[in-house]
N, C-alpha and C. Protein backbone atom coordinates (compact mmCIF):
# COMPACT_ATOMS: atom_id res chain seq x y z
N MET A 1 113.04 101.13 64.32
CA MET A 1 113.38 102.12 65.32
C MET A 1 114.47 101.55 66.21
N SER A 2 115.54 102.28 66.35
CA SER A 2 116.68 101.83 67.13
C SER A 2 116.63 102.40 68.55
N GLU A 3 116.87 101.54 69.55
CA GLU A 3 116.88 102.00 70.93
C GLU A 3 118.31 102.07 71.44
N GLU A 4 118.54 102.96 72.38
CA GLU A 4 119.86 103.11 72.97
C GLU A 4 120.24 101.82 73.69
N PRO A 5 121.55 101.48 73.71
CA PRO A 5 121.99 100.25 74.39
C PRO A 5 121.57 100.18 75.85
N ASP A 6 121.61 101.30 76.59
CA ASP A 6 121.21 101.30 78.00
C ASP A 6 119.73 100.95 78.13
N THR A 7 118.91 101.49 77.23
CA THR A 7 117.47 101.21 77.25
C THR A 7 117.22 99.73 76.98
N ILE A 8 117.91 99.18 76.01
CA ILE A 8 117.75 97.76 75.68
C ILE A 8 118.16 96.89 76.87
N ALA A 9 119.26 97.23 77.50
CA ALA A 9 119.70 96.47 78.67
C ALA A 9 118.67 96.54 79.79
N LYS A 10 118.08 97.70 80.01
CA LYS A 10 117.04 97.84 81.03
C LYS A 10 115.83 96.98 80.70
N ILE A 11 115.40 97.02 79.46
CA ILE A 11 114.23 96.24 79.06
C ILE A 11 114.50 94.75 79.22
N LEU A 12 115.70 94.31 78.83
CA LEU A 12 116.04 92.90 79.00
C LEU A 12 116.06 92.50 80.47
N LYS A 13 116.51 93.41 81.32
CA LYS A 13 116.60 93.10 82.75
C LYS A 13 115.25 93.26 83.46
N PHE A 14 114.53 94.35 83.16
CA PHE A 14 113.31 94.67 83.89
C PHE A 14 112.03 94.54 83.07
N GLY A 15 112.13 94.24 81.78
CA GLY A 15 110.94 94.07 80.95
C GLY A 15 110.18 95.38 80.76
N TRP A 16 108.86 95.26 80.71
CA TRP A 16 108.00 96.40 80.41
C TRP A 16 108.13 97.52 81.42
N ARG A 17 108.51 97.23 82.66
CA ARG A 17 108.63 98.28 83.68
C ARG A 17 109.65 99.33 83.29
N ALA A 18 110.69 98.93 82.58
CA ALA A 18 111.75 99.87 82.22
C ALA A 18 111.26 100.92 81.23
N ARG A 19 110.22 100.62 80.50
CA ARG A 19 109.70 101.54 79.49
C ARG A 19 108.80 102.61 80.08
N MET A 20 108.34 102.45 81.30
CA MET A 20 107.40 103.39 81.91
C MET A 20 108.11 104.50 82.65
N ASP A 21 107.54 105.69 82.55
CA ASP A 21 108.01 106.77 83.42
C ASP A 21 107.08 106.83 84.63
N ASP A 22 107.42 107.67 85.59
CA ASP A 22 106.63 107.72 86.83
C ASP A 22 105.18 108.12 86.58
N THR A 23 104.94 108.99 85.63
CA THR A 23 103.56 109.40 85.33
C THR A 23 102.75 108.20 84.84
N GLN A 24 103.32 107.40 83.96
CA GLN A 24 102.62 106.22 83.47
C GLN A 24 102.37 105.23 84.61
N ARG A 25 103.32 105.09 85.49
CA ARG A 25 103.16 104.20 86.64
C ARG A 25 102.01 104.67 87.52
N LEU A 26 101.97 105.97 87.79
CA LEU A 26 100.92 106.53 88.62
C LEU A 26 99.56 106.44 87.94
N GLN A 27 99.52 106.56 86.61
CA GLN A 27 98.26 106.40 85.88
C GLN A 27 97.70 104.99 86.06
N LEU A 28 98.58 104.00 86.00
CA LEU A 28 98.13 102.61 86.21
C LEU A 28 97.58 102.41 87.62
N ILE A 29 98.27 102.96 88.61
CA ILE A 29 97.80 102.84 89.99
C ILE A 29 96.47 103.57 90.15
N ALA A 30 96.37 104.76 89.58
CA ALA A 30 95.11 105.53 89.66
C ALA A 30 93.95 104.75 89.05
N GLU A 31 94.20 104.10 87.95
CA GLU A 31 93.14 103.30 87.32
C GLU A 31 92.71 102.14 88.22
N ALA A 32 93.68 101.51 88.87
CA ALA A 32 93.37 100.43 89.81
C ALA A 32 92.53 100.96 90.97
N VAL A 33 92.86 102.15 91.46
CA VAL A 33 92.11 102.75 92.57
C VAL A 33 90.69 103.07 92.13
N ARG A 34 90.53 103.66 90.95
CA ARG A 34 89.18 103.97 90.45
C ARG A 34 88.34 102.69 90.35
N TYR A 35 88.93 101.64 89.83
CA TYR A 35 88.23 100.35 89.73
C TYR A 35 87.77 99.90 91.12
N CYS A 36 88.67 99.96 92.09
CA CYS A 36 88.35 99.51 93.44
C CYS A 36 87.26 100.37 94.07
N GLN A 37 87.31 101.66 93.83
CA GLN A 37 86.26 102.53 94.35
C GLN A 37 84.90 102.15 93.74
N ARG A 38 84.89 101.84 92.45
CA ARG A 38 83.64 101.44 91.80
C ARG A 38 83.09 100.15 92.37
N VAL A 39 83.94 99.14 92.48
CA VAL A 39 83.42 97.85 92.97
C VAL A 39 83.06 97.91 94.44
N LYS A 40 83.70 98.77 95.19
CA LYS A 40 83.32 98.96 96.60
C LYS A 40 81.90 99.51 96.69
N THR A 41 81.58 100.50 95.84
CA THR A 41 80.22 101.06 95.86
C THR A 41 79.18 100.05 95.40
N MET A 42 79.61 99.04 94.68
CA MET A 42 78.70 97.98 94.23
C MET A 42 78.52 96.90 95.28
N GLY A 43 79.24 97.02 96.39
CA GLY A 43 79.08 96.07 97.48
C GLY A 43 80.17 95.04 97.65
N MET A 44 81.24 95.13 96.86
CA MET A 44 82.31 94.15 97.02
C MET A 44 83.02 94.38 98.35
N PRO A 45 83.27 93.32 99.11
CA PRO A 45 83.99 93.49 100.37
C PRO A 45 85.46 93.84 100.11
N VAL A 46 86.09 94.47 101.08
CA VAL A 46 87.47 94.91 100.94
C VAL A 46 88.39 93.76 100.55
N ALA A 47 88.14 92.58 101.05
CA ALA A 47 88.99 91.43 100.72
C ALA A 47 88.93 91.11 99.22
N GLY A 48 87.88 91.51 98.56
CA GLY A 48 87.73 91.24 97.13
C GLY A 48 88.50 92.19 96.24
N TYR A 49 88.84 93.36 96.74
CA TYR A 49 89.55 94.32 95.89
C TYR A 49 90.88 94.81 96.45
N ALA A 50 91.20 94.53 97.68
CA ALA A 50 92.39 95.09 98.32
C ALA A 50 93.69 94.76 97.60
N LYS A 51 93.77 93.60 96.98
CA LYS A 51 95.02 93.21 96.31
C LYS A 51 95.26 93.95 95.01
N THR A 52 94.20 94.48 94.41
CA THR A 52 94.36 95.14 93.11
C THR A 52 95.30 96.33 93.18
N PRO A 53 95.05 97.33 94.04
CA PRO A 53 96.02 98.43 94.10
C PRO A 53 97.35 98.01 94.71
N ARG A 54 97.33 97.06 95.64
CA ARG A 54 98.59 96.62 96.25
C ARG A 54 99.52 96.05 95.20
N GLU A 55 99.01 95.21 94.32
CA GLU A 55 99.85 94.62 93.27
C GLU A 55 100.31 95.68 92.29
N ALA A 56 99.41 96.60 91.92
CA ALA A 56 99.81 97.67 91.00
C ALA A 56 100.92 98.52 91.61
N ILE A 57 100.76 98.88 92.86
CA ILE A 57 101.77 99.69 93.54
C ILE A 57 103.10 98.94 93.60
N TYR A 58 103.06 97.71 94.02
CA TYR A 58 104.30 96.95 94.19
C TYR A 58 105.03 96.75 92.86
N PHE A 59 104.30 96.28 91.85
CA PHE A 59 104.99 95.92 90.61
C PHE A 59 105.36 97.10 89.73
N VAL A 60 104.58 98.19 89.75
CA VAL A 60 104.95 99.30 88.88
C VAL A 60 105.56 100.48 89.61
N TRP A 61 105.40 100.58 90.93
CA TRP A 61 105.98 101.71 91.66
C TRP A 61 107.14 101.26 92.54
N THR A 62 106.86 100.42 93.51
CA THR A 62 107.88 100.01 94.46
C THR A 62 109.08 99.36 93.78
N ARG A 63 108.82 98.40 92.92
CA ARG A 63 109.90 97.62 92.30
C ARG A 63 110.54 98.33 91.11
N ARG A 64 110.18 99.57 90.83
CA ARG A 64 110.83 100.30 89.73
C ARG A 64 112.31 100.49 90.02
N LEU A 65 112.69 100.38 91.28
CA LEU A 65 114.08 100.54 91.68
C LEU A 65 114.87 99.24 91.60
N GLY A 66 114.18 98.14 91.36
CA GLY A 66 114.86 96.85 91.26
C GLY A 66 114.40 95.88 92.32
N SER A 67 115.31 95.10 92.84
CA SER A 67 115.02 94.04 93.79
C SER A 67 114.47 94.57 95.11
N LYS A 68 113.99 93.66 95.94
CA LYS A 68 113.52 94.04 97.27
C LYS A 68 114.63 94.74 98.05
N ALA A 69 115.83 94.22 97.95
CA ALA A 69 116.96 94.82 98.67
C ALA A 69 117.20 96.26 98.23
N LYS A 70 116.99 96.56 96.96
CA LYS A 70 117.20 97.91 96.45
C LYS A 70 115.99 98.81 96.69
N SER A 71 114.79 98.23 96.69
CA SER A 71 113.59 99.06 96.82
C SER A 71 113.22 99.37 98.26
N ALA A 72 113.77 98.66 99.23
CA ALA A 72 113.49 98.95 100.63
C ALA A 72 114.22 100.23 101.04
N LYS A 73 113.47 101.17 101.56
CA LYS A 73 114.05 102.46 101.96
C LYS A 73 114.85 102.35 103.25
N TYR A 74 114.45 101.41 104.11
CA TYR A 74 115.08 101.27 105.42
C TYR A 74 115.50 99.82 105.66
N ARG A 75 116.32 99.65 106.68
CA ARG A 75 116.65 98.32 107.17
C ARG A 75 116.98 98.45 108.65
N SER A 76 116.81 97.37 109.36
CA SER A 76 117.21 97.41 110.77
C SER A 76 118.72 97.17 110.82
N ARG A 77 119.33 97.65 111.87
CA ARG A 77 120.77 97.43 112.02
C ARG A 77 121.06 95.93 112.08
N ALA A 78 120.17 95.19 112.73
CA ALA A 78 120.38 93.74 112.89
C ALA A 78 120.27 92.99 111.56
N ALA A 79 119.62 93.58 110.54
CA ALA A 79 119.45 92.90 109.25
C ALA A 79 120.71 92.97 108.37
N ALA A 80 121.64 93.85 108.71
CA ALA A 80 122.85 94.00 107.89
C ALA A 80 123.60 92.68 107.80
N GLY A 81 123.93 92.31 106.57
CA GLY A 81 124.71 91.09 106.35
C GLY A 81 123.91 89.80 106.35
N ARG A 82 122.63 89.89 106.68
CA ARG A 82 121.78 88.68 106.68
C ARG A 82 121.43 88.31 105.25
N LYS A 83 120.99 87.08 105.05
CA LYS A 83 120.75 86.57 103.70
C LYS A 83 119.27 86.32 103.41
N TRP A 84 118.90 86.59 102.15
CA TRP A 84 117.58 86.22 101.66
C TRP A 84 117.57 84.70 101.47
N GLY A 85 116.42 84.12 101.54
CA GLY A 85 116.28 82.70 101.25
C GLY A 85 116.55 81.80 102.43
N ARG A 86 117.00 82.34 103.50
CA ARG A 86 117.27 81.53 104.69
C ARG A 86 116.29 81.87 105.82
N ARG A 87 115.28 82.65 105.46
CA ARG A 87 114.28 83.11 106.42
C ARG A 87 114.91 83.92 107.56
N GLU A 88 116.02 84.57 107.26
CA GLU A 88 116.70 85.40 108.24
C GLU A 88 116.14 86.82 108.24
N ILE A 89 115.70 87.28 107.06
CA ILE A 89 115.22 88.65 106.94
C ILE A 89 113.84 88.68 106.29
N VAL A 90 113.15 89.78 106.54
CA VAL A 90 111.77 89.95 106.09
C VAL A 90 111.64 91.32 105.43
N TYR A 91 110.90 91.38 104.35
CA TYR A 91 110.57 92.65 103.68
C TYR A 91 109.27 93.13 104.31
N ASP A 92 109.32 94.24 105.02
CA ASP A 92 108.18 94.70 105.82
C ASP A 92 107.73 96.09 105.37
N HIS A 93 106.43 96.26 105.20
CA HIS A 93 105.88 97.59 104.91
C HIS A 93 106.04 98.43 106.17
N VAL A 94 106.72 99.54 106.07
CA VAL A 94 106.99 100.40 107.21
C VAL A 94 105.67 100.84 107.85
N ILE A 95 104.75 101.30 107.02
CA ILE A 95 103.38 101.58 107.44
C ILE A 95 102.55 100.47 106.81
N PRO A 96 101.83 99.70 107.61
CA PRO A 96 101.07 98.59 107.03
C PRO A 96 100.19 99.03 105.86
N TYR A 97 100.09 98.16 104.88
CA TYR A 97 99.39 98.48 103.63
C TYR A 97 97.95 98.94 103.85
N SER A 98 97.28 98.47 104.88
CA SER A 98 95.88 98.85 105.10
C SER A 98 95.73 100.38 105.22
N TYR A 99 96.73 101.07 105.73
CA TYR A 99 96.68 102.53 105.84
C TYR A 99 96.76 103.17 104.46
N GLU A 100 97.61 102.63 103.61
CA GLU A 100 97.74 103.14 102.24
C GLU A 100 96.45 102.90 101.47
N LEU A 101 95.89 101.71 101.61
CA LEU A 101 94.63 101.39 100.92
C LEU A 101 93.52 102.32 101.38
N LYS A 102 93.41 102.54 102.68
CA LYS A 102 92.37 103.43 103.21
C LYS A 102 92.53 104.83 102.63
N ALA A 103 93.76 105.34 102.57
CA ALA A 103 94.01 106.68 102.02
C ALA A 103 93.66 106.74 100.53
N LEU A 104 94.01 105.70 99.79
CA LEU A 104 93.68 105.67 98.36
C LEU A 104 92.17 105.61 98.14
N MET A 105 91.50 104.78 98.91
CA MET A 105 90.06 104.63 98.74
C MET A 105 89.30 105.89 99.17
N ALA A 106 89.90 106.71 100.02
CA ALA A 106 89.27 107.94 100.48
C ALA A 106 89.45 109.11 99.51
N LEU A 107 90.27 108.92 98.49
CA LEU A 107 90.49 110.02 97.54
C LEU A 107 89.19 110.38 96.84
N THR A 108 88.84 111.66 96.87
CA THR A 108 87.63 112.10 96.16
C THR A 108 87.96 112.39 94.70
N GLU A 109 89.20 112.73 94.46
CA GLU A 109 89.67 112.95 93.10
C GLU A 109 90.89 112.07 92.91
N VAL A 110 90.80 111.09 92.03
CA VAL A 110 91.90 110.16 91.80
C VAL A 110 92.67 110.62 90.56
N THR A 111 93.80 111.26 90.82
CA THR A 111 94.66 111.76 89.75
C THR A 111 96.08 111.25 90.01
N THR A 112 96.95 111.44 89.05
CA THR A 112 98.33 111.01 89.27
C THR A 112 98.94 111.77 90.46
N GLU A 113 98.57 113.02 90.64
CA GLU A 113 99.13 113.80 91.75
C GLU A 113 98.60 113.34 93.11
N THR A 114 97.29 113.08 93.20
CA THR A 114 96.75 112.63 94.50
C THR A 114 97.28 111.25 94.84
N VAL A 115 97.40 110.40 93.84
CA VAL A 115 97.96 109.06 94.07
C VAL A 115 99.43 109.16 94.46
N ARG A 116 100.17 110.04 93.79
CA ARG A 116 101.58 110.23 94.13
C ARG A 116 101.74 110.61 95.60
N ARG A 117 100.93 111.54 96.08
CA ARG A 117 101.03 111.96 97.48
C ARG A 117 100.81 110.79 98.43
N VAL A 118 99.85 109.94 98.11
CA VAL A 118 99.57 108.79 98.98
C VAL A 118 100.73 107.79 98.93
N VAL A 119 101.17 107.40 97.75
CA VAL A 119 102.23 106.39 97.69
C VAL A 119 103.55 106.93 98.24
N GLU A 120 103.81 108.20 98.06
CA GLU A 120 105.04 108.75 98.63
C GLU A 120 105.00 108.77 100.16
N LYS A 121 103.82 108.92 100.73
CA LYS A 121 103.71 108.91 102.19
C LYS A 121 103.74 107.49 102.75
N TYR A 122 103.02 106.57 102.12
CA TYR A 122 102.80 105.26 102.71
C TYR A 122 103.63 104.12 102.14
N ASP A 123 104.13 104.25 100.94
CA ASP A 123 104.79 103.11 100.30
C ASP A 123 106.29 103.10 100.56
N ALA A 124 106.66 102.65 101.73
CA ALA A 124 108.07 102.48 102.07
C ALA A 124 108.20 101.13 102.77
N ALA A 125 109.33 100.50 102.56
CA ALA A 125 109.56 99.19 103.16
C ALA A 125 110.86 99.20 103.94
N ALA A 126 110.96 98.25 104.84
CA ALA A 126 112.19 98.04 105.60
C ALA A 126 112.53 96.56 105.55
N ILE A 127 113.80 96.29 105.60
CA ILE A 127 114.25 94.91 105.72
C ILE A 127 114.62 94.72 107.18
N ILE A 128 113.91 93.80 107.81
CA ILE A 128 114.13 93.53 109.23
C ILE A 128 114.40 92.04 109.40
N THR A 129 114.88 91.66 110.57
CA THR A 129 115.13 90.24 110.81
C THR A 129 113.81 89.52 111.10
N ALA A 130 113.82 88.23 110.96
CA ALA A 130 112.64 87.42 111.29
C ALA A 130 112.29 87.57 112.76
N ASP A 131 113.30 87.68 113.62
CA ASP A 131 113.05 87.89 115.05
C ASP A 131 112.36 89.23 115.30
N GLU A 132 112.79 90.26 114.59
CA GLU A 132 112.16 91.58 114.75
C GLU A 132 110.72 91.56 114.25
N ASP A 133 110.48 90.82 113.18
CA ASP A 133 109.12 90.66 112.68
C ASP A 133 108.24 89.97 113.73
N ALA A 134 108.79 88.97 114.41
CA ALA A 134 108.06 88.29 115.48
C ALA A 134 107.79 89.24 116.65
N GLN A 135 108.72 90.15 116.93
CA GLN A 135 108.51 91.15 117.99
C GLN A 135 107.36 92.08 117.64
N LEU A 136 107.28 92.49 116.36
CA LEU A 136 106.16 93.33 115.93
C LEU A 136 104.84 92.60 116.16
N SER A 137 104.80 91.33 115.79
CA SER A 137 103.58 90.53 115.98
C SER A 137 103.22 90.42 117.46
N ALA A 138 104.21 90.12 118.28
CA ALA A 138 103.97 89.96 119.72
C ALA A 138 103.45 91.26 120.35
N ALA A 139 103.88 92.40 119.81
CA ALA A 139 103.45 93.69 120.34
C ALA A 139 102.12 94.14 119.74
N GLY A 140 101.54 93.32 118.84
CA GLY A 140 100.29 93.69 118.20
C GLY A 140 100.45 94.74 117.12
N LEU A 141 101.67 94.87 116.59
CA LEU A 141 101.97 95.89 115.59
C LEU A 141 102.30 95.33 114.21
N GLN A 142 101.95 94.08 113.98
CA GLN A 142 102.22 93.47 112.68
C GLN A 142 101.44 94.18 111.57
N HIS A 143 100.19 94.52 111.85
CA HIS A 143 99.32 95.09 110.82
C HIS A 143 98.74 96.45 111.21
N LYS A 144 99.32 97.09 112.23
CA LYS A 144 98.81 98.41 112.60
C LYS A 144 99.92 99.25 113.20
N MET A 145 99.68 100.54 113.20
CA MET A 145 100.61 101.50 113.80
C MET A 145 100.28 101.61 115.28
N PRO A 146 101.21 102.11 116.09
CA PRO A 146 100.93 102.29 117.52
C PRO A 146 99.73 103.21 117.73
N ALA A 147 99.03 103.02 118.82
CA ALA A 147 97.83 103.81 119.12
C ALA A 147 98.14 105.31 119.16
N ASP A 148 99.34 105.67 119.58
CA ASP A 148 99.70 107.09 119.69
C ASP A 148 100.42 107.62 118.44
N TRP A 149 100.31 106.91 117.32
CA TRP A 149 100.99 107.33 116.10
C TRP A 149 100.53 108.72 115.69
N ASP A 150 101.47 109.57 115.34
CA ASP A 150 101.17 110.96 114.96
C ASP A 150 100.73 111.09 113.50
N GLY A 151 100.70 110.01 112.77
CA GLY A 151 100.32 110.05 111.36
C GLY A 151 101.44 110.54 110.46
N ILE A 152 102.61 110.79 111.04
CA ILE A 152 103.73 111.34 110.27
C ILE A 152 104.93 110.40 110.27
N ASP A 153 105.40 110.02 111.44
CA ASP A 153 106.62 109.23 111.55
C ASP A 153 106.41 107.81 111.04
N PRO A 154 106.98 107.46 109.88
CA PRO A 154 106.75 106.13 109.33
C PRO A 154 107.43 105.02 110.15
N LEU A 155 108.39 105.38 110.97
CA LEU A 155 109.15 104.37 111.73
C LEU A 155 108.59 104.14 113.14
N ALA A 156 107.41 104.64 113.42
CA ALA A 156 106.83 104.58 114.77
C ALA A 156 106.69 103.15 115.29
N ARG A 157 106.34 102.19 114.43
CA ARG A 157 106.19 100.80 114.91
C ARG A 157 107.51 100.27 115.44
N TYR A 158 108.57 100.53 114.72
CA TYR A 158 109.88 100.04 115.12
C TYR A 158 110.36 100.72 116.40
N LYS A 159 110.17 102.03 116.45
CA LYS A 159 110.58 102.78 117.64
C LYS A 159 109.82 102.32 118.88
N ALA A 160 108.55 101.98 118.70
CA ALA A 160 107.71 101.58 119.83
C ALA A 160 108.23 100.33 120.54
N ILE A 161 108.94 99.47 119.79
CA ILE A 161 109.44 98.23 120.42
C ILE A 161 110.97 98.15 120.41
N GLY A 162 111.62 99.26 120.08
CA GLY A 162 113.07 99.31 120.20
C GLY A 162 113.87 98.71 119.06
N ILE A 163 113.30 98.64 117.87
CA ILE A 163 114.06 98.16 116.70
C ILE A 163 114.75 99.37 116.08
N GLU A 164 116.07 99.31 115.99
CA GLU A 164 116.84 100.41 115.41
C GLU A 164 116.84 100.27 113.89
N VAL A 165 116.29 101.28 113.22
CA VAL A 165 116.16 101.28 111.77
C VAL A 165 116.95 102.45 111.19
N VAL A 166 117.65 102.17 110.08
CA VAL A 166 118.45 103.18 109.40
C VAL A 166 118.09 103.17 107.91
N GLU A 167 118.58 104.18 107.19
CA GLU A 167 118.40 104.19 105.75
C GLU A 167 119.07 102.95 105.17
N ASN A 168 118.46 102.33 104.19
CA ASN A 168 119.02 101.14 103.57
C ASN A 168 120.10 101.54 102.57
N THR A 169 121.24 100.93 102.71
CA THR A 169 122.34 101.17 101.78
C THR A 169 122.57 99.94 100.89
N ASN A 170 121.56 99.08 100.82
CA ASN A 170 121.59 97.91 99.96
C ASN A 170 122.75 96.97 100.26
N ILE A 171 122.99 96.70 101.54
CA ILE A 171 124.09 95.81 101.88
C ILE A 171 123.58 94.44 102.36
N ILE A 172 122.37 94.13 102.00
CA ILE A 172 121.81 92.83 102.34
C ILE A 172 122.43 91.80 101.39
N SER A 173 122.78 90.66 101.87
CA SER A 173 123.38 89.62 101.04
C SER A 173 122.33 88.92 100.19
N SER A 174 122.77 88.35 99.11
CA SER A 174 121.85 87.63 98.21
C SER A 174 121.52 86.26 98.73
């Protein structure tokens, strides 16, 4: 069976991820969620299963677009031109992962569509500076949304402490 040159190039660059369509990706995430729901009912603590859907989401959904620089939907203005590997910038979940996990675990029906709605709402990242990351921590917003969060605005943490965030145009340096 012969594959198109573009497909072969994708597989060589991205491996098995290039062969999956979004439905297959969502099926894998849904299966991870079902597993976690089962082990939770058996008494496993959240720390024992929380990484399972997080890894599935990251490796088959988030990174389907490529590198961290390409998969981050947002970036702070201050992160423009900063470099990876020098601890200058940080890949930050716009809405902390615990909110996404809670929404996934609350699903009464785990289907590709219900999972899609959750990941589309919660799975967005921003590239921010290390200093901005420290500001989030100092404000108590490293792992939670502001107390007055409306449940809609994904950028509420950044706005609460004055970090200017824009759509990412992938101009982060390597």
